[in-house]
N, C-alpha and C. Protein backbone atom coordinates (compact mmCIF):
# COMPACT_ATOMS: atom_id res chain seq x y z
N MET A 1 100.82 122.06 83.05
CA MET A 1 101.69 120.84 83.32
C MET A 1 102.44 121.15 84.56
N VAL A 2 102.54 120.17 85.48
CA VAL A 2 103.45 120.27 86.69
C VAL A 2 104.81 119.75 86.29
N ASP A 3 105.81 120.66 86.54
CA ASP A 3 107.20 120.27 86.40
C ASP A 3 107.64 119.35 87.52
N ARG A 4 108.18 118.13 87.03
CA ARG A 4 108.47 117.18 88.13
C ARG A 4 109.86 116.91 88.29
N SER A 5 110.27 116.31 89.45
CA SER A 5 111.58 116.07 89.75
C SER A 5 112.12 114.98 88.79
N GLU A 6 113.34 115.02 88.41
CA GLU A 6 113.94 114.03 87.50
C GLU A 6 113.35 114.15 86.15
N GLY A 7 112.54 115.10 85.83
CA GLY A 7 111.96 115.17 84.52
C GLY A 7 110.91 114.19 84.14
N ARG A 8 110.38 113.67 85.21
CA ARG A 8 109.37 112.60 85.11
C ARG A 8 108.11 113.00 84.48
N ASN A 9 107.49 112.00 83.72
CA ASN A 9 106.07 112.28 83.21
C ASN A 9 105.11 111.95 84.38
N ALA A 10 103.77 112.27 84.07
CA ALA A 10 102.81 112.11 85.18
C ALA A 10 102.65 110.69 85.76
N GLY A 11 102.89 109.57 84.92
CA GLY A 11 102.67 108.27 85.42
C GLY A 11 103.96 107.59 85.70
N GLN A 12 105.05 108.31 85.92
CA GLN A 12 106.42 107.64 86.04
C GLN A 12 106.74 107.67 87.56
N LEU A 13 107.41 106.50 87.93
CA LEU A 13 107.97 106.45 89.36
C LEU A 13 109.27 107.29 89.36
N ARG A 14 109.61 107.60 90.66
CA ARG A 14 110.85 108.19 90.86
C ARG A 14 111.98 107.15 90.64
N LYS A 15 113.22 107.53 90.47
CA LYS A 15 114.16 106.57 90.33
C LYS A 15 114.35 105.72 91.52
N LEU A 16 114.43 104.49 91.29
CA LEU A 16 114.38 103.43 92.43
C LEU A 16 115.65 102.67 92.50
N ASP A 17 116.22 102.61 93.69
CA ASP A 17 117.37 101.70 93.89
C ASP A 17 117.27 101.01 95.23
N ILE A 18 117.48 99.83 95.16
CA ILE A 18 117.45 98.91 96.39
C ILE A 18 118.72 98.10 96.53
N LYS A 19 119.47 98.33 97.60
CA LYS A 19 120.83 97.77 97.86
C LYS A 19 120.51 96.71 98.99
N MET A 20 120.76 95.50 98.53
CA MET A 20 120.62 94.27 99.55
C MET A 20 121.75 94.22 100.62
N ASP A 21 121.39 93.61 101.73
CA ASP A 21 122.45 93.37 102.74
C ASP A 21 123.03 94.66 103.21
N ALA A 22 122.32 95.68 103.31
CA ALA A 22 122.80 97.04 103.80
C ALA A 22 123.23 97.00 105.22
N ALA A 23 122.65 96.05 106.03
CA ALA A 23 123.06 95.90 107.48
C ALA A 23 123.38 94.42 107.74
N PRO A 24 124.67 94.04 107.49
CA PRO A 24 124.96 92.71 107.46
C PRO A 24 124.72 91.82 108.66
N PHE A 25 124.58 92.50 109.82
CA PHE A 25 124.38 91.68 111.04
C PHE A 25 122.87 91.19 111.14
N ALA A 26 121.99 91.79 110.45
CA ALA A 26 120.60 91.48 110.47
C ALA A 26 120.37 90.24 109.54
N GLU A 27 119.23 89.47 109.87
CA GLU A 27 118.97 88.28 109.12
C GLU A 27 118.55 88.72 107.66
N GLY A 28 118.01 89.90 107.55
CA GLY A 28 117.70 90.41 106.16
C GLY A 28 117.69 91.91 106.20
N SER A 29 118.21 92.54 105.11
CA SER A 29 118.17 94.01 105.07
C SER A 29 118.29 94.61 103.67
N CYS A 30 117.90 95.87 103.62
CA CYS A 30 118.18 96.61 102.44
C CYS A 30 118.08 98.14 102.66
N LEU A 31 118.72 98.85 101.74
CA LEU A 31 118.57 100.26 101.74
C LEU A 31 117.77 100.67 100.45
N ILE A 32 116.70 101.24 100.66
CA ILE A 32 115.81 101.54 99.50
C ILE A 32 115.90 103.13 99.30
N SER A 33 116.02 103.50 98.05
CA SER A 33 116.01 104.91 97.67
C SER A 33 114.92 105.13 96.64
N THR A 34 113.99 105.86 96.86
CA THR A 34 112.97 106.42 95.88
C THR A 34 113.04 107.93 95.65
N GLY A 35 113.79 108.32 94.55
CA GLY A 35 114.12 109.70 94.47
C GLY A 35 115.10 110.07 95.61
N GLN A 36 114.69 111.12 96.30
CA GLN A 36 115.51 111.62 97.39
C GLN A 36 115.11 110.95 98.77
N THR A 37 114.07 110.10 98.79
CA THR A 37 113.70 109.40 99.98
C THR A 37 114.56 108.22 100.21
N ARG A 38 115.11 107.98 101.40
CA ARG A 38 116.01 106.82 101.64
C ARG A 38 115.57 106.15 102.99
N VAL A 39 115.47 104.89 103.05
CA VAL A 39 115.04 104.16 104.17
C VAL A 39 115.83 102.89 104.23
N LEU A 40 116.42 102.82 105.52
CA LEU A 40 117.20 101.53 105.85
C LEU A 40 116.08 100.44 106.47
N CYS A 41 115.96 99.32 105.85
CA CYS A 41 115.10 98.32 106.41
C CYS A 41 115.86 97.15 106.85
N THR A 42 115.63 96.68 108.05
CA THR A 42 116.20 95.41 108.67
C THR A 42 115.19 94.54 109.27
N ALA A 43 115.43 93.24 108.92
CA ALA A 43 114.51 92.24 109.57
C ALA A 43 115.36 91.41 110.48
N SER A 44 114.82 91.27 111.77
CA SER A 44 115.48 90.57 112.83
C SER A 44 114.61 89.37 113.31
N VAL A 45 115.19 88.27 113.35
CA VAL A 45 114.41 87.04 113.77
C VAL A 45 114.70 86.68 115.20
N GLN A 46 113.59 86.55 115.94
CA GLN A 46 113.66 86.09 117.38
C GLN A 46 112.95 84.72 117.53
N GLU A 47 113.60 83.90 118.33
CA GLU A 47 113.05 82.61 118.63
C GLU A 47 111.96 82.59 119.79
N GLU A 48 111.03 83.41 119.64
CA GLU A 48 109.88 83.62 120.52
C GLU A 48 108.76 84.22 119.80
N VAL A 49 107.51 84.28 120.41
CA VAL A 49 106.47 84.98 119.91
C VAL A 49 105.79 85.64 121.08
N PRO A 50 104.98 86.67 120.84
CA PRO A 50 104.22 87.44 121.87
C PRO A 50 103.47 86.35 122.71
N SER A 51 103.23 86.65 123.98
CA SER A 51 102.61 85.80 124.92
C SER A 51 101.28 85.32 124.36
N TRP A 52 100.55 86.30 123.88
CA TRP A 52 99.12 86.00 123.37
C TRP A 52 99.19 85.05 122.18
N ARG A 53 100.39 84.83 121.59
CA ARG A 53 100.55 84.03 120.34
C ARG A 53 101.14 82.63 120.62
N GLU A 54 101.49 82.32 121.90
CA GLU A 54 102.22 81.13 122.28
C GLU A 54 101.48 79.81 121.89
N LYS A 55 100.30 79.75 122.01
CA LYS A 55 99.48 78.51 121.85
C LYS A 55 98.84 78.38 120.48
N SER A 56 99.20 79.32 119.63
CA SER A 56 98.54 79.36 118.39
C SER A 56 99.13 78.38 117.29
N GLY A 57 100.40 78.07 117.48
CA GLY A 57 101.18 77.19 116.57
C GLY A 57 101.64 78.05 115.36
N LYS A 58 101.61 79.43 115.49
CA LYS A 58 101.87 80.33 114.44
C LYS A 58 103.01 81.41 114.92
N GLY A 59 103.72 81.89 113.95
CA GLY A 59 104.71 82.98 114.27
C GLY A 59 104.08 84.32 114.11
N TRP A 60 104.90 85.33 114.11
CA TRP A 60 104.47 86.67 114.02
C TRP A 60 105.35 87.54 113.37
N VAL A 61 104.87 88.49 112.55
CA VAL A 61 105.64 89.53 111.86
C VAL A 61 105.13 90.87 112.25
N THR A 62 106.08 91.78 112.66
CA THR A 62 105.66 93.05 113.03
C THR A 62 106.71 94.15 112.55
N ALA A 63 106.38 95.41 112.73
CA ALA A 63 107.23 96.38 112.16
C ALA A 63 107.35 97.60 113.11
N GLU A 64 108.49 98.31 112.99
CA GLU A 64 108.73 99.53 113.72
C GLU A 64 109.33 100.58 112.75
N TYR A 65 108.85 101.86 112.98
CA TYR A 65 109.16 102.89 112.06
C TYR A 65 109.78 104.05 112.74
N SER A 66 110.82 104.62 112.31
CA SER A 66 111.33 105.91 112.88
C SER A 66 111.99 106.71 111.84
N MET A 67 112.08 108.04 112.10
CA MET A 67 112.78 109.02 111.29
C MET A 67 113.93 109.68 111.99
N LEU A 68 115.06 109.63 111.48
CA LEU A 68 116.18 110.19 112.00
C LEU A 68 116.05 111.68 112.14
N PRO A 69 116.70 112.39 113.18
CA PRO A 69 116.37 113.73 113.40
C PRO A 69 116.52 114.70 112.18
N ARG A 70 117.68 114.43 111.33
CA ARG A 70 117.83 115.30 110.26
C ARG A 70 117.46 114.69 108.86
N ALA A 71 116.51 113.80 108.94
CA ALA A 71 115.91 113.19 107.74
C ALA A 71 115.07 114.31 106.92
N THR A 72 114.75 115.38 107.61
CA THR A 72 114.06 116.45 107.04
C THR A 72 114.83 117.70 107.09
N HIS A 73 114.23 118.75 106.52
CA HIS A 73 114.98 120.06 106.30
C HIS A 73 115.39 120.66 107.71
N THR A 74 114.52 120.42 108.70
CA THR A 74 114.93 120.89 109.98
C THR A 74 114.81 119.79 110.98
N ARG A 75 115.50 119.83 112.03
CA ARG A 75 115.71 118.69 112.99
C ARG A 75 114.40 118.40 113.62
N THR A 76 114.07 117.19 113.73
CA THR A 76 112.94 116.66 114.58
C THR A 76 113.48 116.00 115.72
N ARG A 77 112.73 116.13 116.91
CA ARG A 77 113.10 115.36 118.10
C ARG A 77 113.05 113.79 117.87
N ARG A 78 114.01 113.13 118.54
CA ARG A 78 113.77 111.75 118.59
C ARG A 78 112.63 111.27 119.38
N GLU A 79 111.92 110.27 119.03
CA GLU A 79 110.89 109.83 119.77
C GLU A 79 111.34 108.80 120.82
N ARG A 80 111.38 109.09 122.00
CA ARG A 80 111.92 108.30 123.13
C ARG A 80 110.73 107.94 124.03
N GLY A 81 110.65 106.51 124.28
CA GLY A 81 109.43 106.09 125.08
C GLY A 81 108.23 105.97 124.20
N ARG A 82 107.25 106.86 124.49
CA ARG A 82 105.97 107.01 123.70
C ARG A 82 106.14 107.45 122.35
N VAL A 83 105.67 106.79 121.36
CA VAL A 83 105.79 107.25 120.00
C VAL A 83 104.55 108.03 119.67
N SER A 84 104.66 108.82 118.57
CA SER A 84 103.52 109.70 118.17
C SER A 84 102.44 108.89 117.35
N GLY A 85 101.30 109.40 117.34
CA GLY A 85 100.27 108.82 116.66
C GLY A 85 100.57 108.53 115.18
N ARG A 86 101.29 109.31 114.50
CA ARG A 86 101.76 109.21 113.18
C ARG A 86 102.61 107.99 113.00
N THR A 87 103.59 107.99 113.91
CA THR A 87 104.56 106.78 113.87
C THR A 87 103.75 105.48 114.16
N GLN A 88 102.84 105.34 115.10
CA GLN A 88 102.08 104.22 115.28
C GLN A 88 101.30 103.74 114.03
N GLU A 89 100.58 104.70 113.51
CA GLU A 89 99.88 104.44 112.28
C GLU A 89 100.73 103.97 111.22
N ILE A 90 101.93 104.53 110.90
CA ILE A 90 102.79 104.00 109.80
C ILE A 90 103.35 102.54 110.16
N GLN A 91 103.78 102.36 111.39
CA GLN A 91 104.38 101.01 111.60
C GLN A 91 103.21 99.93 111.54
N ARG A 92 102.06 100.30 112.02
CA ARG A 92 100.98 99.27 111.90
C ARG A 92 100.63 99.08 110.45
N LEU A 93 100.66 100.01 109.57
CA LEU A 93 100.45 99.86 108.05
C LEU A 93 101.54 98.92 107.53
N ILE A 94 102.79 99.18 107.91
CA ILE A 94 103.75 98.30 107.35
C ILE A 94 103.59 96.80 107.83
N GLY A 95 103.27 96.63 109.19
CA GLY A 95 103.08 95.31 109.70
C GLY A 95 101.92 94.69 108.98
N ARG A 96 100.73 95.35 108.83
CA ARG A 96 99.64 94.71 108.17
C ARG A 96 100.00 94.28 106.74
N ALA A 97 100.80 95.18 106.11
CA ALA A 97 101.10 94.82 104.67
C ALA A 97 101.92 93.63 104.55
N LEU A 98 102.90 93.49 105.55
CA LEU A 98 103.80 92.23 105.49
C LEU A 98 103.03 90.93 105.89
N ARG A 99 102.22 91.10 106.85
CA ARG A 99 101.54 89.91 107.39
C ARG A 99 100.54 89.48 106.42
N SER A 100 100.13 90.26 105.45
CA SER A 100 99.07 89.94 104.43
C SER A 100 99.64 88.88 103.45
N VAL A 101 100.98 88.71 103.37
CA VAL A 101 101.56 87.73 102.44
C VAL A 101 102.48 86.67 103.08
N VAL A 102 102.24 86.59 104.37
CA VAL A 102 103.08 85.65 105.09
C VAL A 102 102.21 84.48 105.72
N ASP A 103 102.59 83.23 105.50
CA ASP A 103 101.98 82.03 106.17
C ASP A 103 102.57 81.96 107.45
N MET A 104 101.95 82.29 108.48
CA MET A 104 102.46 82.39 109.88
C MET A 104 102.69 81.00 110.43
N GLU A 105 102.05 79.84 109.92
CA GLU A 105 102.43 78.61 110.31
C GLU A 105 103.79 78.10 109.99
N VAL A 106 104.43 78.61 108.92
CA VAL A 106 105.70 78.17 108.62
C VAL A 106 106.75 78.63 109.54
N ILE A 107 106.47 79.83 110.07
CA ILE A 107 107.40 80.37 111.04
C ILE A 107 106.96 80.19 112.50
N ALA A 108 106.27 79.10 112.76
CA ALA A 108 105.71 78.94 114.15
C ALA A 108 106.85 79.08 115.18
N GLY A 109 106.58 79.75 116.18
CA GLY A 109 107.61 79.95 117.38
C GLY A 109 108.59 81.10 117.06
N LYS A 110 108.50 81.65 115.89
CA LYS A 110 109.39 82.83 115.55
C LYS A 110 108.71 84.18 115.49
N THR A 111 109.41 85.26 115.75
CA THR A 111 108.81 86.52 115.49
C THR A 111 109.88 87.20 114.60
N VAL A 112 109.45 87.97 113.61
CA VAL A 112 110.26 88.69 112.79
C VAL A 112 109.86 90.24 112.99
N ILE A 113 110.86 91.10 113.40
CA ILE A 113 110.55 92.45 113.56
C ILE A 113 111.36 93.19 112.40
N VAL A 114 110.64 93.86 111.66
CA VAL A 114 111.11 94.72 110.57
C VAL A 114 111.31 96.22 110.88
N ASP A 115 112.46 96.60 111.13
CA ASP A 115 112.70 98.08 111.47
C ASP A 115 112.88 98.92 110.18
N CYS A 116 112.20 100.04 110.07
CA CYS A 116 112.23 100.79 108.98
C CYS A 116 112.74 102.23 109.46
N ASP A 117 113.98 102.65 109.21
CA ASP A 117 114.50 103.96 109.71
C ASP A 117 114.66 104.75 108.53
N VAL A 118 114.02 105.92 108.48
CA VAL A 118 114.12 106.91 107.30
C VAL A 118 115.32 107.75 107.58
N ILE A 119 116.22 107.66 106.62
CA ILE A 119 117.48 108.40 106.62
C ILE A 119 117.21 109.76 105.98
N GLN A 120 116.48 109.84 104.96
CA GLN A 120 116.18 111.14 104.41
C GLN A 120 114.70 111.06 103.77
N ALA A 121 113.91 112.14 104.05
CA ALA A 121 112.53 112.11 103.68
C ALA A 121 112.32 113.23 102.66
N ASP A 122 111.69 112.66 101.49
CA ASP A 122 111.22 113.69 100.50
C ASP A 122 109.94 113.19 99.91
N GLY A 123 109.02 112.81 100.87
CA GLY A 123 107.71 112.31 100.38
C GLY A 123 107.76 110.79 100.23
N GLY A 124 106.47 110.22 100.51
CA GLY A 124 106.36 108.78 100.24
C GLY A 124 107.22 107.79 101.20
N THR A 125 107.40 108.22 102.42
CA THR A 125 108.17 107.41 103.30
C THR A 125 107.42 106.21 103.70
N ARG A 126 106.18 106.22 103.95
CA ARG A 126 105.43 104.97 104.32
C ARG A 126 105.37 103.94 103.25
N THR A 127 105.26 104.38 102.00
CA THR A 127 105.12 103.44 100.91
C THR A 127 106.48 102.93 100.54
N ALA A 128 107.62 103.69 100.70
CA ALA A 128 108.86 103.24 100.46
C ALA A 128 109.27 102.14 101.61
N CYS A 129 108.66 102.39 102.74
CA CYS A 129 108.96 101.52 103.75
C CYS A 129 108.49 100.09 103.58
N VAL A 130 107.21 100.16 103.03
CA VAL A 130 106.48 98.86 102.79
C VAL A 130 107.21 98.08 101.58
N THR A 131 107.69 98.82 100.65
CA THR A 131 108.40 98.21 99.52
C THR A 131 109.84 97.69 99.99
N GLY A 132 110.51 98.38 100.78
CA GLY A 132 111.75 97.99 101.31
C GLY A 132 111.69 96.89 102.39
N ALA A 133 110.67 96.99 103.27
CA ALA A 133 110.56 96.03 104.23
C ALA A 133 110.15 94.65 103.75
N THR A 134 109.38 94.63 102.58
CA THR A 134 109.25 93.41 101.87
C THR A 134 110.43 92.70 101.50
N VAL A 135 111.39 93.49 100.93
CA VAL A 135 112.66 92.89 100.42
C VAL A 135 113.48 92.40 101.66
N ALA A 136 113.53 93.10 102.72
CA ALA A 136 114.25 92.70 103.85
C ALA A 136 113.76 91.46 104.53
N LEU A 137 112.43 91.52 104.53
CA LEU A 137 111.78 90.27 105.13
C LEU A 137 111.85 89.00 104.30
N GLY A 138 111.75 89.15 102.94
CA GLY A 138 112.02 88.06 101.92
C GLY A 138 113.45 87.57 102.11
N SER A 139 114.35 88.50 102.25
CA SER A 139 115.77 88.06 102.28
C SER A 139 116.00 87.31 103.65
N ALA A 140 115.31 87.74 104.69
CA ALA A 140 115.52 87.00 105.99
C ALA A 140 114.95 85.57 105.88
N PHE A 141 113.79 85.47 105.27
CA PHE A 141 113.20 84.09 105.06
C PHE A 141 114.08 83.29 104.19
N ASP A 142 114.65 83.78 103.17
CA ASP A 142 115.61 82.98 102.37
C ASP A 142 116.82 82.55 103.17
N ASN A 143 117.30 83.38 103.99
CA ASN A 143 118.38 83.03 104.83
C ASN A 143 117.99 81.88 105.83
N LEU A 144 116.80 81.95 106.38
CA LEU A 144 116.31 80.95 107.29
C LEU A 144 116.22 79.54 106.61
N VAL A 145 115.72 79.59 105.30
CA VAL A 145 115.62 78.40 104.59
C VAL A 145 117.04 77.77 104.33
N ARG A 146 117.95 78.67 104.00
CA ARG A 146 119.41 78.07 103.73
C ARG A 146 119.98 77.51 104.93
N GLU A 147 119.60 78.04 106.05
CA GLU A 147 120.20 77.58 107.35
C GLU A 147 119.45 76.39 107.81
N GLY A 148 118.36 75.96 107.24
CA GLY A 148 117.59 74.76 107.50
C GLY A 148 116.55 75.10 108.75
N LEU A 149 116.32 76.34 109.14
CA LEU A 149 115.47 76.62 110.24
C LEU A 149 114.01 76.68 109.88
N ILE A 150 113.64 76.80 108.58
CA ILE A 150 112.32 76.67 108.11
C ILE A 150 112.38 75.88 106.80
N ASP A 151 111.30 75.23 106.45
CA ASP A 151 111.27 74.34 105.21
C ASP A 151 111.14 75.13 103.98
N ARG A 152 110.50 76.27 103.96
CA ARG A 152 110.31 77.06 102.82
C ARG A 152 110.06 78.50 103.20
N SER A 153 110.13 79.41 102.15
CA SER A 153 109.72 80.80 102.43
C SER A 153 108.20 80.88 102.67
N PRO A 154 107.79 81.49 103.71
CA PRO A 154 106.33 81.64 103.88
C PRO A 154 105.59 82.69 103.07
N MET A 155 106.37 83.50 102.30
CA MET A 155 105.83 84.62 101.51
C MET A 155 105.07 84.12 100.37
N SER A 156 103.83 84.47 100.20
CA SER A 156 102.91 84.08 99.13
C SER A 156 103.09 84.94 97.91
N SER A 157 103.55 86.19 98.16
CA SER A 157 103.65 87.19 97.12
C SER A 157 104.50 88.30 97.66
N LEU A 158 105.00 89.16 96.66
CA LEU A 158 105.67 90.25 97.04
C LEU A 158 104.53 91.44 97.25
N VAL A 159 105.06 92.46 98.05
CA VAL A 159 103.96 93.67 98.27
C VAL A 159 104.74 94.84 98.26
N ALA A 160 104.13 95.88 97.73
CA ALA A 160 104.76 97.26 97.53
C ALA A 160 103.71 98.29 97.70
N GLY A 161 104.20 99.44 97.89
CA GLY A 161 103.36 100.72 98.09
C GLY A 161 103.75 101.90 97.21
N VAL A 162 102.84 102.70 96.84
CA VAL A 162 103.17 103.89 96.10
C VAL A 162 102.02 104.92 96.29
N SER A 163 102.46 106.23 96.19
CA SER A 163 101.38 107.29 96.34
C SER A 163 100.95 107.73 94.90
N VAL A 164 99.73 108.34 94.95
CA VAL A 164 99.25 108.98 93.66
C VAL A 164 98.35 110.12 94.06
N GLY A 165 98.30 111.17 93.31
CA GLY A 165 97.60 112.27 93.83
C GLY A 165 97.18 113.18 92.65
N ILE A 166 96.45 114.17 92.91
CA ILE A 166 96.04 115.26 91.99
C ILE A 166 96.71 116.57 92.45
N VAL A 167 97.60 117.08 91.69
CA VAL A 167 98.32 118.28 92.03
C VAL A 167 98.06 119.37 90.93
N ARG A 168 97.45 120.43 91.32
CA ARG A 168 97.10 121.52 90.44
C ARG A 168 96.41 120.96 89.21
N GLY A 169 95.44 120.08 89.48
CA GLY A 169 94.51 119.55 88.45
C GLY A 169 95.14 118.37 87.65
N GLN A 170 96.43 118.02 87.95
CA GLN A 170 96.96 116.92 87.22
C GLN A 170 97.21 115.69 88.06
N MET A 171 96.92 114.55 87.49
CA MET A 171 97.09 113.26 88.21
C MET A 171 98.55 112.84 88.19
N LEU A 172 99.21 112.55 89.23
CA LEU A 172 100.62 112.33 89.34
C LEU A 172 100.81 110.91 90.12
N LEU A 173 101.85 110.17 89.66
CA LEU A 173 102.22 108.95 90.44
C LEU A 173 103.46 109.20 91.26
N ASP A 174 103.59 108.66 92.52
CA ASP A 174 104.70 108.66 93.26
C ASP A 174 105.20 110.09 93.63
N LEU A 175 104.48 110.68 94.43
CA LEU A 175 104.69 112.16 94.72
C LEU A 175 105.81 112.36 95.60
N ASP A 176 106.63 113.35 95.34
CA ASP A 176 107.66 113.75 96.22
C ASP A 176 107.10 114.88 97.11
N TYR A 177 107.95 115.32 98.03
CA TYR A 177 107.41 116.23 99.13
C TYR A 177 106.76 117.47 98.58
N SER A 178 107.35 118.15 97.61
CA SER A 178 106.80 119.33 96.98
C SER A 178 105.45 119.11 96.36
N GLU A 179 105.34 117.93 95.71
CA GLU A 179 103.98 117.59 95.13
C GLU A 179 102.95 117.22 96.13
N ASP A 180 103.40 116.44 97.11
CA ASP A 180 102.47 115.95 98.12
C ASP A 180 101.88 117.14 99.05
N SER A 181 102.82 118.14 99.30
CA SER A 181 102.31 119.16 100.10
C SER A 181 101.40 120.15 99.34
N ALA A 182 101.34 120.10 98.00
CA ALA A 182 100.38 120.91 97.26
C ALA A 182 99.28 120.13 96.70
N ALA A 183 99.20 118.85 97.08
CA ALA A 183 98.18 118.02 96.45
C ALA A 183 96.70 118.25 96.84
N GLN A 184 95.84 118.30 95.95
CA GLN A 184 94.34 118.43 96.25
C GLN A 184 93.78 117.14 96.67
N VAL A 185 94.35 116.03 96.18
CA VAL A 185 93.89 114.63 96.57
C VAL A 185 95.20 113.94 96.70
N ASP A 186 95.34 113.01 97.80
CA ASP A 186 96.48 112.21 98.11
C ASP A 186 95.98 110.87 98.48
N LEU A 187 96.58 109.85 97.69
CA LEU A 187 96.17 108.41 97.81
C LEU A 187 97.49 107.67 97.95
N ASN A 188 97.46 106.80 99.07
CA ASN A 188 98.51 105.81 99.27
C ASN A 188 97.95 104.39 99.11
N VAL A 189 98.48 103.61 98.24
CA VAL A 189 98.04 102.31 97.78
C VAL A 189 99.08 101.28 98.16
N ILE A 190 98.64 100.26 98.76
CA ILE A 190 99.51 99.09 99.07
C ILE A 190 98.79 97.89 98.44
N ALA A 191 99.65 97.02 97.63
CA ALA A 191 99.09 96.03 96.87
C ALA A 191 100.14 94.90 96.68
N THR A 192 99.72 93.77 96.26
CA THR A 192 100.60 92.64 95.99
C THR A 192 101.00 92.60 94.56
N ALA A 193 102.01 91.70 94.36
CA ALA A 193 102.45 91.63 92.89
C ALA A 193 101.35 91.05 92.00
N LYS A 194 100.33 90.46 92.55
CA LYS A 194 99.26 89.93 91.90
C LYS A 194 98.21 90.91 91.58
N GLY A 195 98.36 92.20 92.03
CA GLY A 195 97.40 93.20 91.88
C GLY A 195 96.39 93.27 92.98
N GLU A 196 96.51 92.45 94.07
CA GLU A 196 95.53 92.46 95.12
C GLU A 196 95.81 93.52 96.02
N LEU A 197 94.64 94.34 96.31
CA LEU A 197 94.78 95.41 97.28
C LEU A 197 95.01 94.97 98.73
N VAL A 198 95.91 95.62 99.45
CA VAL A 198 96.15 95.35 100.89
C VAL A 198 95.48 96.45 101.69
N GLU A 199 95.80 97.76 101.20
CA GLU A 199 95.30 98.97 101.97
C GLU A 199 95.23 100.12 100.93
N VAL A 200 94.29 101.06 101.13
CA VAL A 200 94.22 102.19 100.42
C VAL A 200 93.85 103.38 101.29
N GLN A 201 94.66 104.36 101.36
CA GLN A 201 94.47 105.49 102.25
C GLN A 201 94.25 106.75 101.33
N GLY A 202 93.15 107.32 101.36
CA GLY A 202 92.92 108.51 100.53
C GLY A 202 92.25 109.64 101.13
N THR A 203 92.65 110.84 100.71
CA THR A 203 92.19 112.06 101.42
C THR A 203 91.98 113.19 100.39
N ALA A 204 90.87 113.88 100.45
CA ALA A 204 90.74 115.13 99.64
C ALA A 204 91.10 116.20 100.57
N GLU A 205 92.15 117.07 100.16
CA GLU A 205 92.54 118.18 100.96
C GLU A 205 91.74 119.43 100.71
N GLY A 206 90.98 119.44 99.66
CA GLY A 206 90.16 120.55 99.38
C GLY A 206 88.72 120.12 99.05
N GLN A 207 88.57 120.21 97.69
CA GLN A 207 87.15 119.77 97.16
C GLN A 207 87.18 118.19 97.10
N PRO A 208 86.02 117.59 97.31
CA PRO A 208 85.80 116.15 97.15
C PRO A 208 86.15 115.74 95.69
N PHE A 209 86.55 114.49 95.63
CA PHE A 209 86.88 113.89 94.30
C PHE A 209 85.99 112.80 93.82
N SER A 210 85.86 112.65 92.52
CA SER A 210 84.74 111.87 92.02
C SER A 210 85.18 110.26 92.01
N ARG A 211 84.28 109.48 91.86
CA ARG A 211 84.62 107.99 91.74
C ARG A 211 85.37 107.73 90.46
N ASP A 212 85.20 108.44 89.38
CA ASP A 212 85.95 108.34 88.25
C ASP A 212 87.45 108.65 88.55
N ASN A 213 87.66 109.71 89.19
CA ASN A 213 89.01 110.16 89.62
C ASN A 213 89.64 109.10 90.45
N PHE A 214 88.84 108.44 91.47
CA PHE A 214 89.51 107.49 92.30
C PHE A 214 89.84 106.21 91.52
N ASP A 215 89.01 105.82 90.56
CA ASP A 215 89.32 104.62 89.79
C ASP A 215 90.63 104.84 88.99
N GLU A 216 90.68 106.12 88.41
CA GLU A 216 91.94 106.41 87.50
C GLU A 216 93.12 106.44 88.45
N MET A 217 93.07 106.96 89.54
CA MET A 217 94.29 107.05 90.46
C MET A 217 94.62 105.65 90.92
N LEU A 218 93.63 104.74 91.06
CA LEU A 218 93.95 103.40 91.55
C LEU A 218 94.56 102.65 90.53
N ASP A 219 94.10 102.83 89.21
CA ASP A 219 94.79 102.14 88.20
C ASP A 219 96.09 102.59 87.98
N MET A 220 96.36 103.92 88.12
CA MET A 220 97.77 104.44 87.98
C MET A 220 98.69 103.92 89.09
N ALA A 221 98.15 103.73 90.32
CA ALA A 221 98.94 103.28 91.55
C ALA A 221 99.31 101.73 91.23
N LEU A 222 98.33 100.91 90.76
CA LEU A 222 98.50 99.59 90.51
C LEU A 222 99.52 99.31 89.49
N SER A 223 99.60 100.17 88.44
CA SER A 223 100.59 100.13 87.37
C SER A 223 101.95 100.28 87.97
N GLY A 224 102.07 101.39 88.87
CA GLY A 224 103.36 101.52 89.51
C GLY A 224 103.70 100.42 90.43
N ILE A 225 102.84 99.86 91.12
CA ILE A 225 103.09 98.72 91.94
C ILE A 225 103.66 97.64 91.18
N GLU A 226 103.07 97.40 90.03
CA GLU A 226 103.45 96.31 89.16
C GLU A 226 104.93 96.50 88.76
N GLU A 227 105.44 97.75 88.54
CA GLU A 227 106.80 98.02 88.33
C GLU A 227 107.63 97.64 89.44
N LEU A 228 107.17 98.21 90.72
CA LEU A 228 107.97 98.02 91.96
C LEU A 228 108.13 96.44 92.25
N THR A 229 107.06 95.71 92.20
CA THR A 229 107.21 94.39 92.49
C THR A 229 108.15 93.64 91.39
N ALA A 230 108.12 94.04 90.26
CA ALA A 230 108.98 93.44 89.17
C ALA A 230 110.48 93.66 89.57
N PHE A 231 110.67 94.98 90.14
CA PHE A 231 111.99 95.35 90.60
C PHE A 231 112.45 94.48 91.71
N GLN A 232 111.59 94.28 92.70
CA GLN A 232 111.84 93.48 93.86
C GLN A 232 112.18 91.90 93.40
N ARG A 233 111.42 91.55 92.52
CA ARG A 233 111.55 90.12 92.09
C ARG A 233 112.95 89.87 91.47
N GLN A 234 113.44 90.89 90.85
CA GLN A 234 114.79 90.71 90.09
C GLN A 234 115.83 90.59 91.25
N LEU A 235 115.62 91.30 92.35
CA LEU A 235 116.68 91.15 93.38
C LEU A 235 116.79 89.74 94.01
N PHE A 236 115.74 88.95 93.92
CA PHE A 236 115.69 87.67 94.47
C PHE A 236 116.16 86.57 93.45
N THR A 237 116.22 86.99 92.16
CA THR A 237 116.54 86.10 91.03
C THR A 237 117.93 86.39 90.57
N GLU A 238 118.72 87.38 91.02
CA GLU A 238 120.01 87.80 90.52
C GLU A 238 120.99 86.87 91.08
């Protein structure tokens, strides 16, 4: 058996906390904590769209990702100008996840940029970003509705992400850094509250894994996402 942080069992999420309106100047924001991973997510609304989008009659949603220098055990350099391939990949993942649940015609002429800034990293930053960015984006849309700037929220569903992996032969949900760095198989799953898959990223770090293992990991991840989206939903009904 793998000894887990917070005394968790194999299929248990890390302690989750989401504080709304963490950055009050933004149209929508939250601070998400999953275990020791903490990310500030802010949604900013601009009254313009990219030039290639101007004649489409649709808006746009995109995301940017960054990690503060001491988010990790040793200092990492700030990314100035050109960002790394890893950063590009993560922010594109977040953007795709958000756009999968947004009706762009409702926000015609507007662009929403969701910034995800990692304050502390202990594994699962990209999945925490998706979960937090969804809350920040939904909050921004609710504020636009209240201000009469759009007729309704364009979000068709909530979306969240979680990791699952095989560590020393045991299948585990929501890996922290110590588990992720030792995983023989690592899977990141993004899905909606309806259980619809948006993206699955999976890697065998050593031996290949079976289809049965994949199906079991996917089921475990979707169970976690059901919990995450239920938590998100409560924030909008309180």
